[in-house]
PDB file of N, CA and C in Angstrom:
ATOM      1  N   MET A   1      99.057 109.761  88.581  1.00  0.00           N
ATOM      2  CA  MET A   1      98.303 110.767  89.172  1.00  0.00           C
ATOM      3  C   MET A   1      96.808 110.290  88.711  1.00  0.00           C
ATOM      4  N   ASP A   2      95.890 110.778  89.319  1.00  0.00           N
ATOM      5  CA  ASP A   2      94.648 110.934  89.478  1.00  0.00           C
ATOM      6  C   ASP A   2      93.864 110.870  88.071  1.00  0.00           C
ATOM      7  N   ALA A   3      93.160 110.162  87.813  1.00  0.00           N
ATOM      8  CA  ALA A   3      92.403 110.161  86.296  1.00  0.00           C
ATOM      9  C   ALA A   3      91.840 111.410  86.157  1.00  0.00           C
ATOM     10  N   SER A   4      90.858 111.627  87.363  1.00  0.00           N
ATOM     11  CA  SER A   4      90.380 112.913  87.177  1.00  0.00           C
ATOM     12  C   SER A   4      90.762 114.247  86.999  1.00  0.00           C
ATOM     13  N   GLU A   5      92.241 114.314  87.725  1.00  0.00           N
ATOM     14  CA  GLU A   5      92.928 115.351  87.772  1.00  0.00           C
ATOM     15  C   GLU A   5      93.624 115.327  86.012  1.00  0.00           C
ATOM     16  N   ALA A   6      93.925 114.311  85.510  1.00  0.00           N
ATOM     17  CA  ALA A   6      94.521 114.594  84.441  1.00  0.00           C
ATOM     18  C   ALA A   6      93.833 114.802  82.957  1.00  0.00           C
ATOM     19  N   SER A   7      92.412 114.542  83.376  1.00  0.00           N
ATOM     20  CA  SER A   7      91.476 114.977  82.345  1.00  0.00           C
ATOM     21  C   SER A   7      91.087 116.269  82.355  1.00  0.00           C
ATOM     22  N   LYS A   8      91.454 117.066  83.256  1.00  0.00           N
ATOM     23  CA  LYS A   8      91.200 118.488  83.179  1.00  0.00           C
ATOM     24  C   LYS A   8      92.085 119.257  82.154  1.00  0.00           C
ATOM     25  N   SER A   9      93.538 118.649  81.993  1.00  0.00           N
ATOM     26  CA  SER A   9      94.168 119.206  81.114  1.00  0.00           C
ATOM     27  C   SER A   9      93.670 119.441  79.644  1.00  0.00           C
ATOM     28  N   ALA A  10      93.327 120.687  79.184  1.00  0.00           N
ATOM     29  CA  ALA A  10      93.071 120.935  77.582  1.00  0.00           C
ATOM     30  C   ALA A  10      94.466 120.320  76.715  1.00  0.00           C
ATOM     31  N   GLU A  11      94.992 120.524  76.954  1.00  0.00           N
ATOM     32  CA  GLU A  11      96.408 119.876  76.054  1.00  0.00           C
ATOM     33  C   GLU A  11      96.586 118.348  75.658  1.00  0.00           C
ATOM     34  N   LEU A  12      96.072 117.706  74.707  1.00  0.00           N
ATOM     35  CA  LEU A  12      96.060 116.279  74.786  1.00  0.00           C
ATOM     36  C   LEU A  12      97.453 115.838  74.868  1.00  0.00           C
ATOM     37  N   ALA A  13      98.519 116.250  74.512  1.00  0.00           N
ATOM     38  CA  ALA A  13     100.112 115.768  74.835  1.00  0.00           C
ATOM     39  C   ALA A  13      99.814 115.710  76.321  1.00  0.00           C
ATOM     40  N   ARG A  14      99.773 116.516  77.169  1.00  0.00           N
ATOM     41  CA  ARG A  14      99.919 116.695  78.659  1.00  0.00           C
ATOM     42  C   ARG A  14      99.000 115.558  79.232  1.00  0.00           C
ATOM     43  N   ARG A  15      97.698 115.570  78.558  1.00  0.00           N
ATOM     44  CA  ARG A  15      96.440 114.851  79.387  1.00  0.00           C
ATOM     45  C   ARG A  15      97.072 113.317  79.065  1.00  0.00           C
ATOM     46  N   ASP A  16      97.709 113.046  78.109  1.00  0.00           N
ATOM     47  CA  ASP A  16      98.525 111.323  77.673  1.00  0.00           C
ATOM     48  C   ASP A  16      99.476 111.018  78.652  1.00  0.00           C
ATOM     49  N   TYR A  17     100.306 112.252  78.835  1.00  0.00           N
ATOM     50  CA  TYR A  17     101.363 112.056  79.590  1.00  0.00           C
ATOM     51  C   TYR A  17     101.130 111.900  80.803  1.00  0.00           C
ATOM     52  N   LEU A  18     100.040 112.445  81.860  1.00  0.00           N
ATOM     53  CA  LEU A  18      99.620 112.569  83.173  1.00  0.00           C
ATOM     54  C   LEU A  18      98.738 111.654  83.188  1.00  0.00           C
ATOM     55  N   PHE A  19      98.234 110.503  82.500  1.00  0.00           N
ATOM     56  CA  PHE A  19      97.557 109.110  82.988  1.00  0.00           C
ATOM     57  C   PHE A  19      98.929 108.167  82.599  1.00  0.00           C
ATOM     58  N   GLY A  20      99.046 107.823  84.259  1.00  0.00           N
ATOM     59  CA  GLY A  20      99.935 106.824  84.251  1.00  0.00           C
ATOM     60  C   GLY A  20     101.401 107.362  85.029  1.00  0.00           C
ATOM     61  N   ASN A  21     101.681 108.675  84.974  1.00  0.00           N
ATOM     62  CA  ASN A  21     102.814 109.100  85.010  1.00  0.00           C
ATOM     63  C   ASN A  21     102.471 110.159  86.128  1.00  0.00           C
ATOM     64  N   LEU A  22     103.724 110.650  86.783  1.00  0.00           N
ATOM     65  CA  LEU A  22     103.953 111.771  88.086  1.00  0.00           C
ATOM     66  C   LEU A  22     104.406 113.026  87.340  1.00  0.00           C
ATOM     67  N   ASP A  23     103.494 114.216  87.832  1.00  0.00           N
ATOM     68  CA  ASP A  23     103.789 115.610  87.681  1.00  0.00           C
ATOM     69  C   ASP A  23     104.737 115.764  88.224  1.00  0.00           C
ATOM     70  N   PRO A  24     105.702 116.943  88.169  1.00  0.00           N
ATOM     71  CA  PRO A  24     106.927 117.535  88.757  1.00  0.00           C
ATOM     72  C   PRO A  24     106.639 117.542  90.536  1.00  0.00           C
ATOM     73  N   ASP A  25     105.453 117.678  90.634  1.00  0.00           N
ATOM     74  CA  ASP A  25     105.183 117.993  92.090  1.00  0.00           C
ATOM     75  C   ASP A  25     104.904 116.777  92.936  1.00  0.00           C
ATOM     76  N   ARG A  26     104.995 115.735  92.650  1.00  0.00           N
ATOM     77  CA  ARG A  26     104.572 114.568  93.049  1.00  0.00           C
ATOM     78  C   ARG A  26     105.931 113.658  93.314  1.00  0.00           C
ATOM     79  N   ILE A  27     105.859 112.683  93.864  1.00  0.00           N
ATOM     80  CA  ILE A  27     106.821 111.538  94.108  1.00  0.00           C
ATOM     81  C   ILE A  27     106.116 110.009  94.423  1.00  0.00           C
ATOM     82  N   GLN A  28     107.090 109.145  94.050  1.00  0.00           N
ATOM     83  CA  GLN A  28     106.639 108.061  94.139  1.00  0.00           C
ATOM     84  C   GLN A  28     107.471 106.880  95.215  1.00  0.00           C
ATOM     85  N   PHE A  29     106.562 106.302  95.880  1.00  0.00           N
ATOM     86  CA  PHE A  29     107.074 105.705  97.103  1.00  0.00           C
ATOM     87  C   PHE A  29     107.422 104.189  96.710  1.00  0.00           C
ATOM     88  N   THR A  30     106.422 103.289  96.135  1.00  0.00           N
ATOM     89  CA  THR A  30     106.378 102.174  95.598  1.00  0.00           C
ATOM     90  C   THR A  30     105.889 101.622  94.566  1.00  0.00           C
ATOM     91  N   VAL A  31     106.253 100.645  94.061  1.00  0.00           N
ATOM     92  CA  VAL A  31     105.656  99.812  92.763  1.00  0.00           C
ATOM     93  C   VAL A  31     105.074  98.811  93.218  1.00  0.00           C
ATOM     94  N   GLY A  32     103.939  98.158  92.987  1.00  0.00           N
ATOM     95  CA  GLY A  32     103.660  96.879  93.208  1.00  0.00           C
ATOM     96  C   GLY A  32     102.850  96.908  94.227  1.00  0.00           C
ATOM     97  N   ARG A  33     102.573  95.534  94.871  1.00  0.00           N
ATOM     98  CA  ARG A  33     101.795  94.890  95.963  1.00  0.00           C
ATOM     99  C   ARG A  33     102.529  94.003  96.491  1.00  0.00           C
ATOM    100  N   ASP A  34     101.935  93.567  97.950  1.00  0.00           N
ATOM    101  CA  ASP A  34     102.655  92.662  98.655  1.00  0.00           C
ATOM    102  C   ASP A  34     104.055  92.497  98.579  1.00  0.00           C
ATOM    103  N   LEU A  35     104.603  93.689  98.912  1.00  0.00           N
ATOM    104  CA  LEU A  35     105.862  93.742  98.543  1.00  0.00           C
ATOM    105  C   LEU A  35     106.639  92.914 100.099  1.00  0.00           C
ATOM    106  N   LEU A  36     107.763  92.397  99.205  1.00  0.00           N
ATOM    107  CA  LEU A  36     108.767  91.405 100.303  1.00  0.00           C
ATOM    108  C   LEU A  36     110.020  92.056 100.742  1.00  0.00           C
ATOM    109  N   LEU A  37     110.267  92.192 101.851  1.00  0.00           N
ATOM    110  CA  LEU A  37     111.269  92.932 102.706  1.00  0.00           C
ATOM    111  C   LEU A  37     112.479  91.632 102.727  1.00  0.00           C
ATOM    112  N   ASP A  38     113.455  92.322 103.075  1.00  0.00           N
ATOM    113  CA  ASP A  38     114.731  91.509 103.343  1.00  0.00           C
ATOM    114  C   ASP A  38     115.309  92.022 104.803  1.00  0.00           C
ATOM    115  N   PRO A  39     115.075  91.363 105.980  1.00  0.00           N
ATOM    116  CA  PRO A  39     114.814  90.190 106.121  1.00  0.00           C
ATOM    117  C   PRO A  39     113.144  90.075 106.252  1.00  0.00           C
ATOM    118  N   PRO A  40     112.493  88.859 105.697  1.00  0.00           N
ATOM    119  CA  PRO A  40     111.168  89.127 105.638  1.00  0.00           C
ATOM    120  C   PRO A  40     110.250  89.491 106.955  1.00  0.00           C
ATOM    121  N   PRO A  41     109.520  90.150 107.038  1.00  0.00           N
ATOM    122  CA  PRO A  41     108.234  90.317 108.084  1.00  0.00           C
ATOM    123  C   PRO A  41     107.445  89.303 108.618  1.00  0.00           C
ATOM    124  N   CYS A  42     107.607  89.306 109.668  1.00  0.00           N
ATOM    125  CA  CYS A  42     106.996  88.276 110.425  1.00  0.00           C
ATOM    126  C   CYS A  42     105.598  88.140 110.144  1.00  0.00           C
ATOM    127  N   ALA A  43     105.055  89.385 109.895  1.00  0.00           N
ATOM    128  CA  ALA A  43     103.589  89.248 109.415  1.00  0.00           C
ATOM    129  C   ALA A  43     103.239  89.373 108.027  1.00  0.00           C
ATOM    130  N   GLU A  44     102.153  89.867 107.428  1.00  0.00           N
ATOM    131  CA  GLU A  44     101.972  89.740 105.933  1.00  0.00           C
ATOM    132  C   GLU A  44     102.780  90.583 105.014  1.00  0.00           C
ATOM    133  N   PRO A  45     102.832  90.231 103.846  1.00  0.00           N
ATOM    134  CA  PRO A  45     103.447  91.179 103.072  1.00  0.00           C
ATOM    135  C   PRO A  45     103.019  92.511 103.257  1.00  0.00           C
ATOM    136  N   LEU A  46     103.583  93.621 102.634  1.00  0.00           N
ATOM    137  CA  LEU A  46     103.086  94.956 103.082  1.00  0.00           C
ATOM    138  C   LEU A  46     102.425  95.421 101.646  1.00  0.00           C
ATOM    139  N   ASN A  47     101.303  96.011 101.509  1.00  0.00           N
ATOM    140  CA  ASN A  47     100.722  96.686 100.221  1.00  0.00           C
ATOM    141  C   ASN A  47     101.402  97.742 100.251  1.00  0.00           C
ATOM    142  N   TYR A  48     101.726  99.009 101.153  1.00  0.00           N
ATOM    143  CA  TYR A  48     102.471 100.299 100.748  1.00  0.00           C
ATOM    144  C   TYR A  48     103.654 100.031 101.707  1.00  0.00           C
ATOM    145  N   PHE A  49     104.700 100.507 101.142  1.00  0.00           N
ATOM    146  CA  PHE A  49     106.037 100.772 101.928  1.00  0.00           C
ATOM    147  C   PHE A  49     106.090 102.347 101.969  1.00  0.00           C
ATOM    148  N   ILE A  50     105.596 103.282 102.741  1.00  0.00           N
ATOM    149  CA  ILE A  50     105.332 104.350 102.864  1.00  0.00           C
ATOM    150  C   ILE A  50     105.720 104.528 104.422  1.00  0.00           C
ATOM    151  N   TYR A  51     105.587 104.078 105.110  1.00  0.00           N
ATOM    152  CA  TYR A  51     105.830 104.632 106.769  1.00  0.00           C
ATOM    153  C   TYR A  51     106.942 103.611 106.892  1.00  0.00           C
ATOM    154  N   PRO A  52     107.363 103.894 108.139  1.00  0.00           N
ATOM    155  CA  PRO A  52     108.586 102.696 108.920  1.00  0.00           C
ATOM    156  C   PRO A  52     107.868 101.551 109.529  1.00  0.00           C
ATOM    157  N   HIS A  53     108.154 100.392 109.067  1.00  0.00           N
ATOM    158  CA  HIS A  53     107.750  99.340 109.457  1.00  0.00           C
ATOM    159  C   HIS A  53     108.952  98.251 110.525  1.00  0.00           C
ATOM    160  N   ALA A  54     108.362  98.551 111.605  1.00  0.00           N
ATOM    161  CA  ALA A  54     109.448  98.028 112.837  1.00  0.00           C
ATOM    162  C   ALA A  54     108.970  96.253 113.185  1.00  0.00           C
ATOM    163  N   GLU A  55     109.423  95.567 113.519  1.00  0.00           N
ATOM    164  CA  GLU A  55     108.917  94.259 114.586  1.00  0.00           C
ATOM    165  C   GLU A  55     109.594  94.081 115.491  1.00  0.00           C
ATOM    166  N   ALA A  56     109.193  93.569 116.815  1.00  0.00           N
ATOM    167  CA  ALA A  56     110.137  93.058 117.587  1.00  0.00           C
ATOM    168  C   ALA A  56     109.274  91.569 118.570  1.00  0.00           C
ATOM    169  N   ASP A  57     110.207  90.499 118.505  1.00  0.00           N
ATOM    170  CA  ASP A  57     109.669  89.363 118.761  1.00  0.00           C
ATOM    171  C   ASP A  57     108.230  88.616 117.946  1.00  0.00           C
ATOM    172  N   GLY A  58     108.715  89.031 116.637  1.00  0.00           N
ATOM    173  CA  GLY A  58     107.848  88.504 115.733  1.00  0.00           C
ATOM    174  C   GLY A  58     106.415  89.300 115.495  1.00  0.00           C
ATOM    175  N   ALA A  59     106.060  90.036 116.139  1.00  0.00           N
ATOM    176  CA  ALA A  59     105.124  90.801 116.171  1.00  0.00           C
ATOM    177  C   ALA A  59     105.511  92.921 115.934  1.00  0.00           C
ATOM    178  N   PRO A  60     104.308  93.437 114.853  1.00  0.00           N
ATOM    179  CA  PRO A  60     104.792  94.867 114.400  1.00  0.00           C
ATOM    180  C   PRO A  60     104.670  95.941 115.860  1.00  0.00           C
ATOM    181  N   LEU A  61     105.651  96.614 115.524  1.00  0.00           N
ATOM    182  CA  LEU A  61     105.639  97.734 116.668  1.00  0.00           C
ATOM    183  C   LEU A  61     104.746  98.859 115.952  1.00  0.00           C
ATOM    184  N   THR A  62     103.733  99.212 116.946  1.00  0.00           N
ATOM    185  CA  THR A  62     103.002 100.304 116.282  1.00  0.00           C
ATOM    186  C   THR A  62     102.812 101.217 117.737  1.00  0.00           C
ATOM    187  N   PRO A  63     102.698 102.283 117.584  1.00  0.00           N
ATOM    188  CA  PRO A  63     102.735 102.946 116.620  1.00  0.00           C
ATOM    189  C   PRO A  63     104.644 103.740 116.685  1.00  0.00           C
ATOM    190  N   VAL A  64     104.276 104.008 115.296  1.00  0.00           N
ATOM    191  CA  VAL A  64     106.012 103.867 114.805  1.00  0.00           C
ATOM    192  C   VAL A  64     105.758 105.508 114.654  1.00  0.00           C
ATOM    193  N   SER A  65     106.565 106.398 115.100  1.00  0.00           N
ATOM    194  CA  SER A  65     106.575 107.870 114.922  1.00  0.00           C
ATOM    195  C   SER A  65     107.448 108.223 113.657  1.00  0.00           C
ATOM    196  N   ILE A  66     106.829 109.281 112.751  1.00  0.00           N
ATOM    197  CA  ILE A  66     107.243 109.721 111.930  1.00  0.00           C
ATOM    198  C   ILE A  66     107.067 111.247 111.629  1.00  0.00           C
ATOM    199  N   GLN A  67     107.933 111.862 110.946  1.00  0.00           N
ATOM    200  CA  GLN A  67     107.717 113.478 110.425  1.00  0.00           C
ATOM    201  C   GLN A  67     108.113 113.496 108.946  1.00  0.00           C
ATOM    202  N   LEU A  68     107.243 113.696 108.284  1.00  0.00           N
ATOM    203  CA  LEU A  68     107.767 114.326 106.748  1.00  0.00           C
ATOM    204  C   LEU A  68     108.011 115.465 106.485  1.00  0.00           C
ATOM    205  N   GLU A  69     109.076 115.791 105.631  1.00  0.00           N
ATOM    206  CA  GLU A  69     108.802 117.215 105.135  1.00  0.00           C
ATOM    207  C   GLU A  69     109.617 117.326 104.030  1.00  0.00           C
ATOM    208  N   TYR A  70     109.083 118.368 103.282  1.00  0.00           N
ATOM    209  CA  TYR A  70     109.472 118.556 101.841  1.00  0.00           C
ATOM    210  C   TYR A  70     109.939 119.902 101.490  1.00  0.00           C
ATOM    211  N   ARG A  71     110.525 120.362 100.769  1.00  0.00           N
ATOM    212  CA  ARG A  71     110.950 121.860 100.214  1.00  0.00           C
ATOM    213  C   ARG A  71     111.135 121.860  98.679  1.00  0.00           C
ATOM    214  N   ASP A  72     110.845 122.910  97.951  1.00  0.00           N
ATOM    215  CA  ASP A  72     111.211 122.745  96.505  1.00  0.00           C
ATOM    216  C   ASP A  72     112.490 123.499  96.245  1.00  0.00           C
ATOM    217  N   LEU A  73     112.763 122.693  95.357  1.00  0.00           N
ATOM    218  CA  LEU A  73     114.260 123.006  95.249  1.00  0.00           C
ATOM    219  C   LEU A  73     114.100 123.714  93.822  1.00  0.00           C
ATOM    220  N   THR A  74     114.922 124.721  93.658  1.00  0.00           N
ATOM    221  CA  THR A  74     114.992 125.813  92.211  1.00  0.00           C
ATOM    222  C   THR A  74     115.879 124.666  91.434  1.00  0.00           C
ATOM    223  N   SER A  75     115.789 124.815  89.792  1.00  0.00           N
ATOM    224  CA  SER A  75     116.717 123.891  89.077  1.00  0.00           C
ATOM    225  C   SER A  75     118.140 123.882  89.384  1.00  0.00           C
ATOM    226  N   GLY A  76     118.987 124.951  90.052  1.00  0.00           N
ATOM    227  CA  GLY A  76     120.085 124.845  90.413  1.00  0.00           C
ATOM    228  C   GLY A  76     120.360 124.060  91.321  1.00  0.00           C
ATOM    229  N   ALA A  77     119.713 124.039  92.390  1.00  0.00           N
ATOM    230  CA  ALA A  77     119.800 123.068  93.424  1.00  0.00           C
ATOM    231  C   ALA A  77     119.582 121.919  93.083  1.00  0.00           C
ATOM    232  N   VAL A  78     118.714 121.297  92.233  1.00  0.00           N
ATOM    233  CA  VAL A  78     118.498 120.221  91.861  1.00  0.00           C
ATOM    234  C   VAL A  78     119.559 119.696  91.023  1.00  0.00           C
ATOM    235  N   ALA A  79     120.414 120.519  90.094  1.00  0.00           N
ATOM    236  CA  ALA A  79     121.515 120.070  89.365  1.00  0.00           C
ATOM    237  C   ALA A  79     122.428 119.873  90.730  1.00  0.00           C
ATOM    238  N   ALA A  80     122.614 120.685  91.370  1.00  0.00           N
ATOM    239  CA  ALA A  80     123.724 120.297  92.502  1.00  0.00           C
ATOM    240  C   ALA A  80     123.730 119.139  92.986  1.00  0.00           C
ATOM    241  N   THR A  81     122.425 118.470  93.307  1.00  0.00           N
ATOM    242  CA  THR A  81     122.293 117.112  93.961  1.00  0.00           C
ATOM    243  C   THR A  81     122.792 115.785  93.399  1.00  0.00           C
ATOM    244  N   LYS A  82     122.726 116.146  91.896  1.00  0.00           N
ATOM    245  CA  LYS A  82     123.268 115.015  90.897  1.00  0.00           C
ATOM    246  C   LYS A  82     124.480 114.700  91.014  1.00  0.00           C
TER     247      LYS A  82
END
């Protein structure tokens, strides 16, 4: 979480948790940098792996179409997915 957002919390325990962690309304895509894929890409390692990566004849294909969606789940729906 962004440090400025975490610092807004008046509760010390919550503020400590939010520094370096994700609140329930966020998701984590990747950890680290210079991500190595298998098979390795012909281009340089990826710094982020959020969007699709495709190559043909040793070159990245761009643009790659993407559509992202989300929905809020109730606690019962979350339990049913486990």
